[in-house]
Amino acid sequence: MQQHCNLILNERGTLWLGDYESALNLEFLKSKGIRTVITVAAGLNLKYEGIVHHKIEILDIELTNISQYFQTANDWIERGFNIGGVLGSINLLQEVKFIAWQVSPDLQLQQLLI
């Protein structure tokens, strides 16, 4: 199964951004050393031994404002780096917003998306 997942950060730790399928593929998670999974989705419950799962329980659609969760997600990522790789499983629009925030948390995301 081809993964829709990209390595976006490797200086401070291994951070992958991927899709729903990536988060569900235990073989893929293990092969990449991913020990923390962060999902932005309603109703997705992962229970894998040795993998920490953090959830942002919101509808992952364009109208959803996820910026209120960025600091929490960043804290989860930083803690995740202490035990292995991290996978953020989110849709494309949310991925763009999150990458923009990782690059510069002080930028207004609304301006980046205009």
N, C-alpha and C. Protein backbone atom coordinates (compact mmCIF):
# COMPACT_ATOMS: atom_id res chain seq x y z
N MET A 1 0.84 -1.18 0.00
CA MET A 1 0.00 0.00 0.00
C MET A 1 0.89 1.24 0.00
N GLN A 2 0.68 2.12 -0.93
CA GLN A 2 1.44 3.36 -0.99
C GLN A 2 0.95 4.32 0.08
N GLN A 3 1.90 4.92 0.79
CA GLN A 3 1.54 5.87 1.83
C GLN A 3 1.52 7.27 1.26
N HIS A 4 0.56 8.04 1.69
CA HIS A 4 0.47 9.45 1.34
C HIS A 4 1.01 10.23 2.52
N CYS A 5 2.33 10.24 2.61
CA CYS A 5 2.98 10.76 3.79
C CYS A 5 4.31 11.40 3.37
N ASN A 6 4.63 12.54 3.97
CA ASN A 6 5.86 13.24 3.65
C ASN A 6 6.63 13.60 4.90
N LEU A 7 7.95 13.44 4.83
CA LEU A 7 8.83 13.88 5.90
C LEU A 7 9.01 15.38 5.73
N ILE A 8 8.64 16.16 6.76
CA ILE A 8 8.75 17.61 6.62
C ILE A 8 9.77 18.23 7.57
N LEU A 9 10.22 17.50 8.57
CA LEU A 9 11.14 18.08 9.53
C LEU A 9 12.06 16.99 10.04
N ASN A 10 13.34 17.27 10.06
CA ASN A 10 14.27 16.27 10.56
C ASN A 10 15.41 16.87 11.37
N GLU A 11 15.40 18.18 11.63
CA GLU A 11 16.47 18.77 12.44
C GLU A 11 16.25 18.50 13.93
N ARG A 12 15.05 18.75 14.40
CA ARG A 12 14.75 18.55 15.83
C ARG A 12 14.22 17.16 16.10
N GLY A 13 13.72 16.52 15.08
CA GLY A 13 13.14 15.19 15.21
C GLY A 13 12.49 14.82 13.89
N THR A 14 11.98 13.63 13.82
CA THR A 14 11.37 13.15 12.59
C THR A 14 9.87 13.40 12.63
N LEU A 15 9.40 14.35 11.82
CA LEU A 15 8.00 14.70 11.76
C LEU A 15 7.47 14.38 10.37
N TRP A 16 6.46 13.55 10.32
CA TRP A 16 5.81 13.17 9.08
C TRP A 16 4.42 13.78 9.05
N LEU A 17 3.97 14.21 7.87
CA LEU A 17 2.58 14.60 7.69
C LEU A 17 1.97 13.63 6.71
N GLY A 18 0.85 13.07 7.09
CA GLY A 18 0.24 12.06 6.25
C GLY A 18 -1.26 12.08 6.33
N ASP A 19 -1.84 11.08 5.72
CA ASP A 19 -3.28 10.99 5.65
C ASP A 19 -3.79 9.92 6.62
N TYR A 20 -5.08 9.73 6.57
CA TYR A 20 -5.79 8.76 7.42
C TYR A 20 -5.20 7.36 7.26
N GLU A 21 -4.93 6.96 6.01
CA GLU A 21 -4.39 5.62 5.76
C GLU A 21 -3.03 5.43 6.43
N SER A 22 -2.21 6.46 6.43
CA SER A 22 -0.90 6.36 7.07
C SER A 22 -1.04 6.09 8.57
N ALA A 23 -2.00 6.76 9.19
CA ALA A 23 -2.21 6.60 10.63
C ALA A 23 -2.72 5.20 10.97
N LEU A 24 -3.40 4.56 10.03
CA LEU A 24 -3.96 3.23 10.27
C LEU A 24 -3.00 2.10 9.94
N ASN A 25 -1.87 2.40 9.31
CA ASN A 25 -0.95 1.37 8.85
C ASN A 25 0.16 1.14 9.87
N LEU A 26 -0.04 0.17 10.75
CA LEU A 26 0.91 -0.11 11.81
C LEU A 26 2.28 -0.49 11.26
N GLU A 27 2.32 -1.25 10.19
CA GLU A 27 3.60 -1.64 9.58
C GLU A 27 4.39 -0.41 9.14
N PHE A 28 3.70 0.54 8.51
CA PHE A 28 4.34 1.78 8.08
C PHE A 28 4.86 2.56 9.29
N LEU A 29 4.03 2.72 10.32
CA LEU A 29 4.43 3.47 11.51
C LEU A 29 5.69 2.87 12.12
N LYS A 30 5.71 1.56 12.26
CA LYS A 30 6.87 0.89 12.85
C LYS A 30 8.11 1.05 11.97
N SER A 31 7.93 0.92 10.64
CA SER A 31 9.08 0.99 9.73
C SER A 31 9.74 2.38 9.75
N LYS A 32 9.01 3.41 10.08
CA LYS A 32 9.55 4.77 10.12
C LYS A 32 9.91 5.22 11.53
N GLY A 33 9.77 4.34 12.50
CA GLY A 33 10.10 4.70 13.88
C GLY A 33 9.13 5.68 14.50
N ILE A 34 7.91 5.71 13.99
CA ILE A 34 6.90 6.64 14.51
C ILE A 34 6.32 6.08 15.80
N ARG A 35 6.44 6.86 16.88
CA ARG A 35 5.95 6.43 18.19
C ARG A 35 4.83 7.32 18.70
N THR A 36 4.56 8.43 17.98
CA THR A 36 3.47 9.34 18.34
C THR A 36 2.68 9.66 17.09
N VAL A 37 1.35 9.53 17.19
CA VAL A 37 0.46 9.87 16.08
C VAL A 37 -0.51 10.93 16.58
N ILE A 38 -0.63 12.00 15.81
CA ILE A 38 -1.59 13.06 16.13
C ILE A 38 -2.59 13.09 14.99
N THR A 39 -3.85 12.90 15.32
CA THR A 39 -4.88 12.93 14.28
C THR A 39 -5.82 14.11 14.49
N VAL A 40 -6.23 14.67 13.36
CA VAL A 40 -7.25 15.71 13.35
C VAL A 40 -8.44 15.07 12.66
N ALA A 41 -9.34 14.54 13.46
CA ALA A 41 -10.49 13.81 12.91
C ALA A 41 -11.46 13.51 14.03
N ALA A 42 -12.70 13.41 13.66
CA ALA A 42 -13.72 13.02 14.64
C ALA A 42 -13.89 11.51 14.56
N GLY A 43 -13.82 10.86 15.70
CA GLY A 43 -14.14 9.44 15.78
C GLY A 43 -13.03 8.47 15.45
N LEU A 44 -11.79 8.91 15.23
CA LEU A 44 -10.70 7.99 14.94
C LEU A 44 -9.99 7.63 16.23
N ASN A 45 -10.02 6.35 16.58
CA ASN A 45 -9.36 5.88 17.79
C ASN A 45 -8.33 4.83 17.44
N LEU A 46 -7.07 5.16 17.64
CA LEU A 46 -5.98 4.22 17.38
C LEU A 46 -5.52 3.63 18.70
N LYS A 47 -5.34 2.34 18.72
CA LYS A 47 -4.85 1.68 19.93
C LYS A 47 -3.77 0.69 19.52
N TYR A 48 -2.55 1.21 19.41
CA TYR A 48 -1.41 0.39 19.07
C TYR A 48 -0.47 0.36 20.27
N GLU A 49 0.01 -0.81 20.60
CA GLU A 49 0.96 -0.92 21.70
C GLU A 49 2.26 -0.20 21.31
N GLY A 50 2.74 0.65 22.20
CA GLY A 50 3.99 1.36 21.97
C GLY A 50 3.86 2.64 21.16
N ILE A 51 2.63 3.02 20.79
CA ILE A 51 2.42 4.25 20.03
C ILE A 51 1.42 5.12 20.78
N VAL A 52 1.83 6.35 21.04
CA VAL A 52 0.97 7.32 21.72
C VAL A 52 0.07 7.97 20.67
N HIS A 53 -1.22 8.03 20.95
CA HIS A 53 -2.16 8.65 20.01
C HIS A 53 -2.80 9.86 20.66
N HIS A 54 -2.60 11.03 20.06
CA HIS A 54 -3.26 12.26 20.49
C HIS A 54 -4.29 12.61 19.43
N LYS A 55 -5.45 13.09 19.87
CA LYS A 55 -6.52 13.42 18.94
C LYS A 55 -6.97 14.86 19.11
N ILE A 56 -7.23 15.48 17.99
CA ILE A 56 -7.94 16.75 17.98
C ILE A 56 -9.29 16.40 17.37
N GLU A 57 -10.29 16.31 18.23
CA GLU A 57 -11.63 15.82 17.83
C GLU A 57 -12.45 16.93 17.21
N ILE A 58 -12.19 17.19 15.94
CA ILE A 58 -12.97 18.18 15.19
C ILE A 58 -13.21 17.63 13.80
N LEU A 59 -14.18 18.19 13.13
CA LEU A 59 -14.39 17.84 11.73
C LEU A 59 -13.24 18.44 10.92
N ASP A 60 -12.58 17.62 10.15
CA ASP A 60 -11.43 18.05 9.38
C ASP A 60 -11.90 18.56 8.01
N ILE A 61 -12.50 19.75 8.04
CA ILE A 61 -13.01 20.37 6.81
C ILE A 61 -12.49 21.80 6.72
N GLU A 62 -12.62 22.38 5.56
CA GLU A 62 -12.07 23.72 5.30
C GLU A 62 -12.57 24.79 6.26
N LEU A 63 -13.81 24.73 6.68
CA LEU A 63 -14.38 25.77 7.53
C LEU A 63 -13.96 25.68 9.00
N THR A 64 -13.34 24.58 9.37
CA THR A 64 -12.94 24.39 10.76
C THR A 64 -11.69 25.21 11.07
N ASN A 65 -11.74 25.95 12.15
CA ASN A 65 -10.59 26.75 12.60
C ASN A 65 -9.73 25.88 13.51
N ILE A 66 -8.62 25.38 12.97
CA ILE A 66 -7.77 24.54 13.81
C ILE A 66 -6.66 25.32 14.50
N SER A 67 -6.55 26.61 14.21
CA SER A 67 -5.43 27.37 14.77
C SER A 67 -5.43 27.37 16.30
N GLN A 68 -6.59 27.22 16.91
CA GLN A 68 -6.65 27.18 18.37
C GLN A 68 -5.95 25.94 18.95
N TYR A 69 -5.68 24.94 18.12
CA TYR A 69 -5.04 23.70 18.56
C TYR A 69 -3.55 23.65 18.24
N PHE A 70 -3.01 24.65 17.56
CA PHE A 70 -1.63 24.59 17.10
C PHE A 70 -0.64 24.45 18.26
N GLN A 71 -0.80 25.24 19.31
CA GLN A 71 0.16 25.17 20.42
C GLN A 71 0.11 23.80 21.10
N THR A 72 -1.08 23.27 21.29
CA THR A 72 -1.22 21.93 21.90
C THR A 72 -0.55 20.89 21.02
N ALA A 73 -0.82 20.95 19.71
CA ALA A 73 -0.21 19.99 18.78
C ALA A 73 1.31 20.14 18.78
N ASN A 74 1.80 21.36 18.83
CA ASN A 74 3.24 21.57 18.87
C ASN A 74 3.85 20.96 20.14
N ASP A 75 3.17 21.11 21.26
CA ASP A 75 3.65 20.49 22.51
C ASP A 75 3.69 18.97 22.37
N TRP A 76 2.66 18.38 21.76
CA TRP A 76 2.64 16.93 21.54
C TRP A 76 3.79 16.50 20.63
N ILE A 77 4.07 17.29 19.61
CA ILE A 77 5.16 16.99 18.69
C ILE A 77 6.49 17.02 19.43
N GLU A 78 6.73 18.07 20.19
CA GLU A 78 7.99 18.19 20.93
C GLU A 78 8.17 17.03 21.90
N ARG A 79 7.12 16.64 22.61
CA ARG A 79 7.20 15.48 23.52
C ARG A 79 7.42 14.20 22.73
N GLY A 80 6.77 14.10 21.57
CA GLY A 80 6.92 12.92 20.74
C GLY A 80 8.35 12.72 20.26
N PHE A 81 9.05 13.81 19.97
CA PHE A 81 10.44 13.71 19.53
C PHE A 81 11.31 13.01 20.57
N ASN A 82 10.92 13.09 21.84
CA ASN A 82 11.70 12.46 22.89
C ASN A 82 11.63 10.94 22.86
N ILE A 83 10.62 10.38 22.18
CA ILE A 83 10.47 8.91 22.17
C ILE A 83 10.57 8.31 20.77
N GLY A 84 10.59 9.15 19.71
CA GLY A 84 10.69 8.63 18.35
C GLY A 84 10.09 9.61 17.36
N GLY A 85 9.72 9.08 16.19
CA GLY A 85 9.12 9.90 15.16
C GLY A 85 7.69 10.25 15.48
N VAL A 86 7.19 11.28 14.78
CA VAL A 86 5.83 11.77 14.98
C VAL A 86 5.12 11.82 13.63
N LEU A 87 3.88 11.35 13.60
CA LEU A 87 3.04 11.47 12.41
C LEU A 87 1.86 12.37 12.73
N GLY A 88 1.69 13.41 11.92
CA GLY A 88 0.48 14.23 11.99
C GLY A 88 -0.41 13.80 10.84
N SER A 89 -1.60 13.34 11.16
CA SER A 89 -2.53 12.85 10.13
C SER A 89 -3.65 13.85 9.97
N ILE A 90 -3.58 14.63 8.88
CA ILE A 90 -4.53 15.71 8.64
C ILE A 90 -4.77 15.86 7.15
N ASN A 91 -5.81 16.60 6.78
CA ASN A 91 -6.08 16.77 5.35
C ASN A 91 -5.18 17.87 4.77
N LEU A 92 -5.20 18.04 3.46
CA LEU A 92 -4.27 18.94 2.79
C LEU A 92 -4.39 20.39 3.24
N LEU A 93 -5.58 20.93 3.35
CA LEU A 93 -5.73 22.32 3.75
C LEU A 93 -5.21 22.53 5.17
N GLN A 94 -5.55 21.64 6.07
CA GLN A 94 -5.06 21.76 7.44
C GLN A 94 -3.55 21.61 7.48
N GLU A 95 -3.00 20.76 6.59
CA GLU A 95 -1.55 20.58 6.52
C GLU A 95 -0.87 21.89 6.13
N VAL A 96 -1.41 22.59 5.15
CA VAL A 96 -0.84 23.88 4.74
C VAL A 96 -0.86 24.86 5.91
N LYS A 97 -1.97 24.94 6.62
CA LYS A 97 -2.07 25.84 7.76
C LYS A 97 -1.04 25.47 8.83
N PHE A 98 -0.89 24.16 9.09
CA PHE A 98 0.00 23.72 10.15
C PHE A 98 1.47 23.97 9.78
N ILE A 99 1.84 23.68 8.54
CA ILE A 99 3.21 23.93 8.11
C ILE A 99 3.52 25.42 8.21
N ALA A 100 2.59 26.25 7.77
CA ALA A 100 2.80 27.70 7.86
C ALA A 100 3.02 28.12 9.30
N TRP A 101 2.28 27.55 10.22
CA TRP A 101 2.44 27.91 11.62
C TRP A 101 3.78 27.41 12.16
N GLN A 102 4.20 26.21 11.74
CA GLN A 102 5.50 25.68 12.18
C GLN A 102 6.63 26.59 11.73
N VAL A 103 6.52 27.13 10.52
CA VAL A 103 7.56 28.01 9.99
C VAL A 103 7.59 29.33 10.76
N SER A 104 6.42 29.88 11.04
CA SER A 104 6.37 31.16 11.74
C SER A 104 5.07 31.27 12.53
N PRO A 105 5.08 30.88 13.80
CA PRO A 105 3.86 30.93 14.61
C PRO A 105 3.28 32.33 14.74
N ASP A 106 4.08 33.36 14.52
CA ASP A 106 3.59 34.73 14.68
C ASP A 106 2.80 35.24 13.48
N LEU A 107 2.91 34.57 12.33
CA LEU A 107 2.18 35.03 11.15
C LEU A 107 0.69 34.78 11.33
N GLN A 108 -0.08 35.66 10.77
CA GLN A 108 -1.52 35.48 10.77
C GLN A 108 -1.87 34.47 9.69
N LEU A 109 -2.42 33.33 10.05
CA LEU A 109 -2.71 32.27 9.09
C LEU A 109 -3.72 32.73 8.06
N GLN A 110 -4.63 33.59 8.44
CA GLN A 110 -5.62 34.08 7.49
C GLN A 110 -4.91 34.78 6.32
N GLN A 111 -3.85 35.52 6.59
CA GLN A 111 -3.12 36.21 5.54
C GLN A 111 -2.40 35.24 4.63
N LEU A 112 -1.93 34.13 5.18
CA LEU A 112 -1.21 33.14 4.37
C LEU A 112 -2.14 32.42 3.41
N LEU A 113 -3.42 32.35 3.74
CA LEU A 113 -4.34 31.56 2.93
C LEU A 113 -5.14 32.40 1.94
N ILE A 114 -4.91 33.69 1.91
CA ILE A 114 -5.63 34.56 0.97
C ILE A 114 -5.02 34.43 -0.41
